Structures are given as C-alpha cells and as structure tokens.
Amino acid sequence: MVTDSPNGLAGDNVLLTTSAFNTLMAGVPSYATDFTLAQPIPASYLTGGKVTFESNGGTIYWSVAFGAYTGTNTGNTQNDTDGNFGAPFASALPTNAFQGIRFTGLATAPSTTNVADYALTTDPATVRNNARNTFTVIPEPASAALLGLGVVMLARRRRS
C-alpha cells in the first residue's frame, strides 16, 4: 500500500511503529503513530541491517545501515554527493533501553557516512509523528530489565 503523509517539509518525520510499541505508549496522552507495521522487524535483524527510503521505482534516496551490516550502501546522489552512504553506524539497534538512533545533522544536510551521521538517542527517547507532535517513550516502572525478553513481554505485562 502506498500512502502519502500530509506533512512533507524538510525535517518532518513519519513515525512507523509496531503494535507492541503502540500498546507500550497507550497511556501517553495524545500519542499517535502514523503507520503501524504489519510485521515487526525480526529480532535477528536488529544486530545489523539497512533501512532505505526509496521511490516506487526503486531509487534509493536515503539509507541508514547499522551494526553488522555488510551489503551495499549506494544510492542516488540527490542526498549524498558521491552516492555512497558509507560504512554502517557502529552499533546494533538498541534493545535493552528506551533508545533509538537519530540523524545528527540538519534536516537539509546531505549524507556523508552512516558512521558519522547517526548517534544513539537519549534514554528515554523522544519520538515525533508527522503531525509534528512529540512523545517521550515512558517505560513502565521496573520494565527496563524486561526489554531483554522483548517488547512482546512488555505488551503482555501491560494488559494484566
């Protein structure tokens, strides 16, 4: 399904989430996702991979590689002057804290290399949806230690 987001100015975000994350955030006032992923990213992919932002024709306009990823990092020169988004960000995606990775440059800055362009967020992270509303990821009391068991465990615990 191809769906446009209403806000598309430089610096606007699109918040993609899982149903487990939506459950975790259910108690946060005015929380809203833009799109819920039909399938979560498999846990085995979080140690190394790449997320691309592409046209319907397959042109890669932006990508971020992370962790143990070893594939290609090439794309269009519109957002990276040499068309190579560079070596992966050195870390796997965080799974034992309420963090993510973020682009460290200005919204209009071109890519240089994933290693220099990305950093871990604070803990807890703040996320922003396409309506430009921000939400801090608020953990349940004493739940940080449970993240090693996965978000599914958190979602199940929250329902009780």
N, C-alpha and C. Protein backbone atom coordinates (compact mmCIF):
# COMPACT_ATOMS: atom_id res chain seq x y z
N MET A 1 0.84 -1.17 0.00
CA MET A 1 0.00 0.00 0.00
C MET A 1 0.90 1.24 0.00
N VAL A 2 0.63 2.15 -0.88
CA VAL A 2 1.37 3.40 -0.96
C VAL A 2 0.46 4.50 -0.43
N THR A 3 0.91 5.18 0.61
CA THR A 3 0.14 6.25 1.24
C THR A 3 1.06 7.42 1.49
N ASP A 4 0.63 8.60 1.07
CA ASP A 4 1.40 9.80 1.32
C ASP A 4 1.13 10.31 2.73
N SER A 5 2.12 10.98 3.30
CA SER A 5 1.96 11.65 4.59
C SER A 5 1.59 13.10 4.30
N PRO A 6 0.71 13.69 5.08
CA PRO A 6 0.27 15.06 4.80
C PRO A 6 1.38 16.11 4.91
N ASN A 7 2.32 15.92 5.84
CA ASN A 7 3.38 16.91 6.03
C ASN A 7 4.67 16.37 5.42
N GLY A 8 5.24 17.12 4.48
CA GLY A 8 6.42 16.66 3.78
C GLY A 8 7.51 17.70 3.64
N LEU A 9 7.56 18.65 4.57
CA LEU A 9 8.61 19.66 4.54
C LEU A 9 9.91 19.09 5.10
N ALA A 10 11.02 19.72 4.77
CA ALA A 10 12.31 19.28 5.32
C ALA A 10 12.22 19.25 6.84
N GLY A 11 12.62 18.15 7.43
CA GLY A 11 12.58 17.99 8.88
C GLY A 11 11.33 17.32 9.40
N ASP A 12 10.31 17.13 8.56
CA ASP A 12 9.11 16.41 9.01
C ASP A 12 9.43 14.93 9.17
N ASN A 13 8.79 14.30 10.11
CA ASN A 13 9.01 12.89 10.41
C ASN A 13 7.81 12.07 10.01
N VAL A 14 8.02 10.78 9.89
CA VAL A 14 6.96 9.79 9.76
C VAL A 14 7.26 8.74 10.82
N LEU A 15 6.32 8.52 11.71
CA LEU A 15 6.52 7.58 12.82
C LEU A 15 5.94 6.22 12.46
N LEU A 16 6.84 5.25 12.24
CA LEU A 16 6.47 3.87 11.94
C LEU A 16 6.64 3.08 13.23
N THR A 17 5.62 2.34 13.63
CA THR A 17 5.67 1.62 14.90
C THR A 17 5.16 0.20 14.73
N THR A 18 5.31 -0.58 15.78
CA THR A 18 4.71 -1.90 15.84
C THR A 18 3.49 -1.83 16.75
N SER A 19 2.66 -2.83 16.69
CA SER A 19 1.50 -2.85 17.59
C SER A 19 1.96 -2.95 19.05
N ALA A 20 3.08 -3.65 19.31
CA ALA A 20 3.61 -3.74 20.67
C ALA A 20 4.03 -2.36 21.18
N PHE A 21 4.66 -1.55 20.32
CA PHE A 21 5.05 -0.20 20.73
C PHE A 21 3.81 0.65 21.00
N ASN A 22 2.79 0.51 20.17
CA ASN A 22 1.54 1.25 20.39
C ASN A 22 0.92 0.88 21.73
N THR A 23 1.00 -0.40 22.10
CA THR A 23 0.50 -0.83 23.41
C THR A 23 1.30 -0.20 24.53
N LEU A 24 2.64 -0.19 24.38
CA LEU A 24 3.51 0.42 25.38
C LEU A 24 3.17 1.90 25.58
N MET A 25 2.86 2.58 24.49
CA MET A 25 2.61 4.02 24.52
C MET A 25 1.14 4.38 24.76
N ALA A 26 0.28 3.40 24.96
CA ALA A 26 -1.16 3.65 25.07
C ALA A 26 -1.52 4.63 26.17
N GLY A 27 -0.75 4.70 27.24
CA GLY A 27 -1.06 5.60 28.34
C GLY A 27 -0.51 7.01 28.17
N VAL A 28 0.20 7.26 27.09
CA VAL A 28 0.80 8.58 26.87
C VAL A 28 -0.25 9.48 26.22
N PRO A 29 -0.59 10.60 26.86
CA PRO A 29 -1.64 11.48 26.32
C PRO A 29 -1.34 11.91 24.89
N SER A 30 -2.34 11.80 24.04
CA SER A 30 -2.32 12.24 22.64
C SER A 30 -1.33 11.49 21.76
N TYR A 31 -0.77 10.37 22.24
CA TYR A 31 0.15 9.59 21.39
C TYR A 31 -0.58 9.13 20.14
N ALA A 32 0.08 9.24 19.00
CA ALA A 32 -0.48 8.75 17.73
C ALA A 32 0.66 8.36 16.80
N THR A 33 0.56 7.17 16.22
CA THR A 33 1.52 6.73 15.22
C THR A 33 1.02 7.18 13.85
N ASP A 34 1.91 7.22 12.88
CA ASP A 34 1.48 7.50 11.51
C ASP A 34 1.13 6.21 10.79
N PHE A 35 1.95 5.18 10.98
CA PHE A 35 1.71 3.88 10.36
C PHE A 35 2.16 2.80 11.32
N THR A 36 1.35 1.74 11.43
CA THR A 36 1.72 0.57 12.22
C THR A 36 2.19 -0.50 11.24
N LEU A 37 3.41 -0.99 11.46
CA LEU A 37 3.97 -2.03 10.59
C LEU A 37 3.13 -3.30 10.70
N ALA A 38 2.81 -3.91 9.56
CA ALA A 38 2.04 -5.15 9.57
C ALA A 38 2.84 -6.28 10.21
N GLN A 39 4.15 -6.27 9.99
CA GLN A 39 5.05 -7.26 10.58
C GLN A 39 6.20 -6.52 11.26
N PRO A 40 6.50 -6.83 12.51
CA PRO A 40 7.66 -6.18 13.14
C PRO A 40 8.96 -6.63 12.48
N ILE A 41 9.98 -5.82 12.61
CA ILE A 41 11.30 -6.22 12.12
C ILE A 41 11.75 -7.40 12.97
N PRO A 42 12.16 -8.51 12.36
CA PRO A 42 12.59 -9.67 13.16
C PRO A 42 13.75 -9.30 14.09
N ALA A 43 13.73 -9.81 15.30
CA ALA A 43 14.76 -9.51 16.29
C ALA A 43 16.16 -9.82 15.76
N SER A 44 16.28 -10.85 14.95
CA SER A 44 17.61 -11.22 14.42
C SER A 44 18.16 -10.15 13.48
N TYR A 45 17.32 -9.27 12.93
CA TYR A 45 17.76 -8.20 12.03
C TYR A 45 18.30 -7.00 12.80
N LEU A 46 18.05 -6.91 14.09
CA LEU A 46 18.42 -5.72 14.86
C LEU A 46 19.92 -5.63 15.12
N THR A 47 20.65 -6.72 14.92
CA THR A 47 22.10 -6.69 15.11
C THR A 47 22.82 -6.07 13.92
N GLY A 48 22.19 -6.03 12.78
CA GLY A 48 22.79 -5.43 11.60
C GLY A 48 21.82 -5.43 10.45
N GLY A 49 21.72 -4.30 9.77
CA GLY A 49 20.80 -4.21 8.65
C GLY A 49 20.84 -2.83 8.03
N LYS A 50 19.85 -2.58 7.17
CA LYS A 50 19.78 -1.30 6.49
C LYS A 50 18.32 -0.95 6.25
N VAL A 51 17.97 0.30 6.48
CA VAL A 51 16.65 0.83 6.17
C VAL A 51 16.83 1.80 5.02
N THR A 52 16.02 1.65 3.96
CA THR A 52 16.12 2.54 2.82
C THR A 52 14.83 3.32 2.63
N PHE A 53 14.97 4.50 2.07
CA PHE A 53 13.83 5.34 1.69
C PHE A 53 13.91 5.47 0.19
N GLU A 54 12.93 4.86 -0.52
CA GLU A 54 13.01 4.69 -1.96
C GLU A 54 11.78 5.23 -2.67
N SER A 55 11.95 5.48 -3.96
CA SER A 55 10.82 5.79 -4.82
C SER A 55 10.10 4.49 -5.16
N ASN A 56 8.91 4.59 -5.71
CA ASN A 56 8.19 3.38 -6.13
C ASN A 56 8.98 2.61 -7.18
N GLY A 57 9.86 3.30 -7.93
CA GLY A 57 10.67 2.66 -8.95
C GLY A 57 11.95 2.03 -8.41
N GLY A 58 12.23 2.17 -7.11
CA GLY A 58 13.39 1.54 -6.51
C GLY A 58 14.61 2.43 -6.36
N THR A 59 14.50 3.72 -6.69
CA THR A 59 15.63 4.63 -6.49
C THR A 59 15.81 4.87 -5.00
N ILE A 60 17.01 4.61 -4.47
CA ILE A 60 17.29 4.81 -3.05
C ILE A 60 17.72 6.26 -2.85
N TYR A 61 16.89 7.03 -2.14
CA TYR A 61 17.20 8.43 -1.86
C TYR A 61 17.94 8.62 -0.55
N TRP A 62 17.75 7.70 0.37
CA TRP A 62 18.39 7.81 1.68
C TRP A 62 18.44 6.41 2.27
N SER A 63 19.50 6.13 3.01
CA SER A 63 19.53 4.87 3.73
C SER A 63 20.36 5.03 4.99
N VAL A 64 20.09 4.16 5.94
CA VAL A 64 20.91 4.07 7.14
C VAL A 64 21.21 2.60 7.37
N ALA A 65 22.48 2.27 7.39
CA ALA A 65 22.94 0.92 7.70
C ALA A 65 23.48 0.94 9.13
N PHE A 66 23.36 -0.20 9.82
CA PHE A 66 23.77 -0.24 11.23
C PHE A 66 24.33 -1.60 11.58
N GLY A 67 25.13 -1.61 12.64
CA GLY A 67 25.65 -2.84 13.22
C GLY A 67 26.47 -3.68 12.26
N ALA A 68 26.15 -4.96 12.18
CA ALA A 68 26.94 -5.93 11.43
C ALA A 68 26.60 -5.98 9.94
N TYR A 69 25.89 -5.00 9.42
CA TYR A 69 25.50 -4.99 8.00
C TYR A 69 26.74 -4.97 7.11
N THR A 70 26.74 -5.80 6.04
CA THR A 70 27.90 -5.88 5.14
C THR A 70 27.54 -5.67 3.68
N GLY A 71 26.31 -5.32 3.37
CA GLY A 71 25.90 -5.17 1.97
C GLY A 71 26.26 -3.81 1.39
N THR A 72 25.68 -3.50 0.26
CA THR A 72 25.94 -2.26 -0.45
C THR A 72 25.33 -1.06 0.28
N ASN A 73 25.95 0.10 0.11
CA ASN A 73 25.45 1.33 0.71
C ASN A 73 25.30 2.43 -0.32
N THR A 74 25.07 2.05 -1.56
CA THR A 74 24.96 3.04 -2.63
C THR A 74 23.53 3.48 -2.82
N GLY A 75 23.39 4.68 -3.38
CA GLY A 75 22.08 5.24 -3.66
C GLY A 75 22.20 6.45 -4.57
N ASN A 76 21.12 7.17 -4.70
CA ASN A 76 21.05 8.35 -5.54
C ASN A 76 21.92 9.47 -4.98
N THR A 77 22.49 10.30 -5.83
CA THR A 77 23.36 11.39 -5.38
C THR A 77 22.58 12.63 -4.94
N GLN A 78 21.25 12.59 -4.98
CA GLN A 78 20.46 13.75 -4.54
C GLN A 78 20.68 14.06 -3.06
N ASN A 79 20.87 13.05 -2.21
CA ASN A 79 21.06 13.25 -0.78
C ASN A 79 22.43 12.82 -0.28
N ASP A 80 23.30 12.41 -1.19
CA ASP A 80 24.66 12.02 -0.84
C ASP A 80 25.53 12.28 -2.07
N THR A 81 26.44 13.22 -1.97
CA THR A 81 27.14 13.71 -3.17
C THR A 81 27.90 12.63 -3.93
N ASP A 82 28.44 11.61 -3.27
CA ASP A 82 29.14 10.56 -4.01
C ASP A 82 28.28 9.31 -4.21
N GLY A 83 27.02 9.33 -3.72
CA GLY A 83 26.13 8.19 -3.90
C GLY A 83 26.46 6.99 -3.04
N ASN A 84 27.33 7.18 -2.03
CA ASN A 84 27.69 6.10 -1.12
C ASN A 84 27.41 6.57 0.30
N PHE A 85 26.41 5.95 0.95
CA PHE A 85 26.01 6.36 2.29
C PHE A 85 27.00 5.90 3.36
N GLY A 86 28.01 5.14 2.96
CA GLY A 86 29.13 4.83 3.84
C GLY A 86 28.95 3.62 4.73
N ALA A 87 29.99 3.36 5.50
CA ALA A 87 30.02 2.23 6.42
C ALA A 87 28.87 2.34 7.43
N PRO A 88 28.40 1.21 7.94
CA PRO A 88 27.28 1.23 8.88
C PRO A 88 27.58 1.98 10.17
N PHE A 89 26.53 2.55 10.76
CA PHE A 89 26.58 3.07 12.12
C PHE A 89 27.08 1.91 12.97
N ALA A 90 28.03 2.17 13.85
CA ALA A 90 28.77 1.10 14.52
C ALA A 90 27.94 0.21 15.45
N SER A 91 26.81 0.65 15.90
CA SER A 91 26.04 -0.09 16.89
C SER A 91 24.88 -0.85 16.25
N ALA A 92 24.53 -1.97 16.87
CA ALA A 92 23.26 -2.62 16.55
C ALA A 92 22.15 -1.72 17.06
N LEU A 93 20.92 -1.97 16.65
CA LEU A 93 19.82 -1.18 17.18
C LEU A 93 19.63 -1.51 18.65
N PRO A 94 19.42 -0.49 19.48
CA PRO A 94 19.30 -0.72 20.93
C PRO A 94 18.07 -1.57 21.26
N THR A 95 18.26 -2.55 22.14
CA THR A 95 17.15 -3.39 22.57
C THR A 95 17.05 -3.48 24.09
N ASN A 96 18.02 -2.92 24.81
CA ASN A 96 17.98 -3.04 26.28
C ASN A 96 17.77 -1.69 26.95
N ALA A 97 17.28 -0.72 26.20
CA ALA A 97 16.99 0.60 26.75
C ALA A 97 15.89 1.22 25.89
N PHE A 98 15.41 2.37 26.27
CA PHE A 98 14.38 3.06 25.50
C PHE A 98 15.05 4.09 24.60
N GLN A 99 15.90 3.59 23.68
CA GLN A 99 16.68 4.42 22.79
C GLN A 99 16.42 4.05 21.34
N GLY A 100 16.92 4.89 20.47
CA GLY A 100 16.93 4.64 19.04
C GLY A 100 18.18 5.25 18.47
N ILE A 101 18.25 5.33 17.14
CA ILE A 101 19.33 6.06 16.52
C ILE A 101 18.72 7.26 15.80
N ARG A 102 19.50 8.34 15.71
CA ARG A 102 18.98 9.56 15.10
C ARG A 102 20.03 10.16 14.19
N PHE A 103 19.56 10.86 13.15
CA PHE A 103 20.44 11.60 12.27
C PHE A 103 20.91 12.84 13.02
N THR A 104 22.20 13.12 13.02
CA THR A 104 22.74 14.21 13.84
C THR A 104 22.82 15.53 13.10
N GLY A 105 22.63 15.53 11.79
CA GLY A 105 22.74 16.77 11.02
C GLY A 105 21.44 17.54 10.94
N LEU A 106 21.49 18.67 10.26
CA LEU A 106 20.28 19.43 9.98
C LEU A 106 19.42 18.66 8.99
N ALA A 107 18.14 18.96 8.95
CA ALA A 107 17.23 18.25 8.04
C ALA A 107 17.65 18.41 6.58
N THR A 108 18.29 19.50 6.25
CA THR A 108 18.71 19.75 4.87
C THR A 108 20.12 19.27 4.58
N ALA A 109 20.82 18.73 5.55
CA ALA A 109 22.20 18.28 5.37
C ALA A 109 22.24 17.00 4.55
N PRO A 110 23.20 16.89 3.64
CA PRO A 110 23.34 15.64 2.90
C PRO A 110 23.99 14.56 3.77
N SER A 111 23.85 13.33 3.34
CA SER A 111 24.54 12.23 3.99
C SER A 111 26.03 12.34 3.71
N THR A 112 26.84 11.94 4.68
CA THR A 112 28.29 11.82 4.43
C THR A 112 28.69 10.36 4.61
N THR A 113 28.47 9.81 5.80
CA THR A 113 28.70 8.40 6.08
C THR A 113 27.87 8.02 7.30
N ASN A 114 27.28 6.84 7.28
CA ASN A 114 26.45 6.40 8.40
C ASN A 114 27.17 6.48 9.72
N VAL A 115 28.47 6.18 9.73
CA VAL A 115 29.27 6.19 10.96
C VAL A 115 29.22 7.57 11.62
N ALA A 116 29.31 8.63 10.83
CA ALA A 116 29.34 9.99 11.37
C ALA A 116 27.96 10.64 11.43
N ASP A 117 27.02 10.17 10.63
CA ASP A 117 25.71 10.82 10.52
C ASP A 117 24.72 10.44 11.61
N TYR A 118 24.96 9.37 12.34
CA TYR A 118 23.98 8.86 13.30
C TYR A 118 24.58 8.70 14.69
N ALA A 119 23.72 8.81 15.70
CA ALA A 119 24.13 8.62 17.10
C ALA A 119 22.94 8.03 17.85
N LEU A 120 23.22 7.43 19.00
CA LEU A 120 22.14 6.94 19.85
C LEU A 120 21.39 8.12 20.45
N THR A 121 20.09 7.96 20.63
CA THR A 121 19.29 8.98 21.29
C THR A 121 19.51 8.91 22.80
N THR A 122 18.95 9.86 23.50
CA THR A 122 18.94 9.79 24.96
C THR A 122 18.03 8.64 25.38
N ASP A 123 18.07 8.30 26.63
CA ASP A 123 17.22 7.25 27.19
C ASP A 123 16.42 7.85 28.33
N PRO A 124 15.14 8.03 28.19
CA PRO A 124 14.28 7.55 27.12
C PRO A 124 14.28 8.49 25.91
N ALA A 125 14.01 7.89 24.75
CA ALA A 125 13.98 8.65 23.50
C ALA A 125 12.69 9.47 23.41
N THR A 126 12.75 10.50 22.60
CA THR A 126 11.57 11.27 22.23
C THR A 126 11.32 11.02 20.76
N VAL A 127 10.10 10.67 20.41
CA VAL A 127 9.74 10.42 19.02
C VAL A 127 8.75 11.49 18.56
N ARG A 128 8.68 11.69 17.23
CA ARG A 128 7.78 12.72 16.68
C ARG A 128 7.04 12.12 15.49
N ASN A 129 5.75 12.40 15.43
CA ASN A 129 4.96 11.89 14.32
C ASN A 129 4.83 12.95 13.22
N ASN A 130 4.11 12.61 12.15
CA ASN A 130 4.01 13.50 11.01
C ASN A 130 3.16 14.73 11.31
N ALA A 131 2.32 14.67 12.33
CA ALA A 131 1.54 15.85 12.75
C ALA A 131 2.39 16.81 13.58
N ARG A 132 3.68 16.46 13.75
CA ARG A 132 4.68 17.26 14.47
C ARG A 132 4.47 17.27 15.98
N ASN A 133 3.83 16.22 16.49
CA ASN A 133 3.66 16.05 17.93
C ASN A 133 4.78 15.15 18.44
N THR A 134 5.36 15.50 19.59
CA THR A 134 6.43 14.71 20.16
C THR A 134 5.94 13.95 21.39
N PHE A 135 6.55 12.77 21.60
CA PHE A 135 6.17 11.89 22.70
C PHE A 135 7.43 11.27 23.26
N THR A 136 7.59 11.31 24.57
CA THR A 136 8.70 10.64 25.22
C THR A 136 8.30 9.20 25.49
N VAL A 137 9.18 8.28 25.16
CA VAL A 137 8.92 6.86 25.41
C VAL A 137 9.05 6.66 26.91
N ILE A 138 7.92 6.43 27.54
CA ILE A 138 7.87 6.34 29.01
C ILE A 138 7.75 4.87 29.39
N PRO A 139 8.79 4.32 30.02
CA PRO A 139 8.73 2.92 30.41
C PRO A 139 7.81 2.71 31.61
N GLU A 140 7.29 1.52 31.68
CA GLU A 140 6.55 1.14 32.87
C GLU A 140 7.54 1.02 34.03
N PRO A 141 7.10 1.20 35.25
CA PRO A 141 8.01 1.04 36.39
C PRO A 141 8.70 -0.32 36.36
N ALA A 142 10.02 -0.30 36.52
CA ALA A 142 10.85 -1.51 36.60
C ALA A 142 10.84 -2.34 35.33
N SER A 143 10.44 -1.78 34.17
CA SER A 143 10.34 -2.59 32.97
C SER A 143 11.62 -2.63 32.15
N ALA A 144 12.58 -1.73 32.38
CA ALA A 144 13.78 -1.70 31.54
C ALA A 144 14.50 -3.05 31.56
N ALA A 145 14.53 -3.72 32.69
CA ALA A 145 15.20 -5.02 32.76
C ALA A 145 14.48 -6.07 31.94
N LEU A 146 13.19 -5.87 31.66
CA LEU A 146 12.42 -6.85 30.90
C LEU A 146 12.65 -6.72 29.40
N LEU A 147 13.24 -5.63 28.93
CA LEU A 147 13.42 -5.45 27.50
C LEU A 147 14.25 -6.55 26.88
N GLY A 148 15.16 -7.12 27.63
CA GLY A 148 15.93 -8.24 27.11
C GLY A 148 15.04 -9.40 26.71
N LEU A 149 13.86 -9.48 27.29
CA LEU A 149 12.90 -10.52 26.94
C LEU A 149 12.06 -10.13 25.73
N GLY A 150 12.14 -8.89 25.31
CA GLY A 150 11.43 -8.45 24.11
C GLY A 150 10.22 -7.61 24.44
N VAL A 151 9.82 -6.84 23.45
CA VAL A 151 8.67 -5.96 23.60
C VAL A 151 7.39 -6.75 23.79
N VAL A 152 7.32 -7.94 23.24
CA VAL A 152 6.12 -8.76 23.41
C VAL A 152 5.84 -8.98 24.88
N MET A 153 6.87 -9.24 25.66
CA MET A 153 6.70 -9.42 27.11
C MET A 153 6.15 -8.15 27.75
N LEU A 154 6.63 -7.00 27.32
CA LEU A 154 6.11 -5.75 27.87
C LEU A 154 4.65 -5.57 27.54
N ALA A 155 4.27 -5.90 26.31
CA ALA A 155 2.88 -5.75 25.90
C ALA A 155 1.99 -6.69 26.71
N ARG A 156 2.44 -7.91 26.93
CA ARG A 156 1.65 -8.86 27.71
C ARG A 156 1.53 -8.39 29.16
N ARG A 157 2.61 -7.87 29.71
CA ARG A 157 2.60 -7.41 31.10
C ARG A 157 1.64 -6.24 31.24
N ARG A 158 1.60 -5.35 30.27
CA ARG A 158 0.77 -4.15 30.35
C ARG A 158 -0.71 -4.50 30.39
N ARG A 159 -1.10 -5.57 29.75
CA ARG A 159 -2.52 -5.93 29.70
C ARG A 159 -3.04 -6.46 31.03
N SER A 160 -2.15 -6.91 31.88
CA SER A 160 -2.61 -7.53 33.15
C SER A 160 -3.02 -6.49 34.17
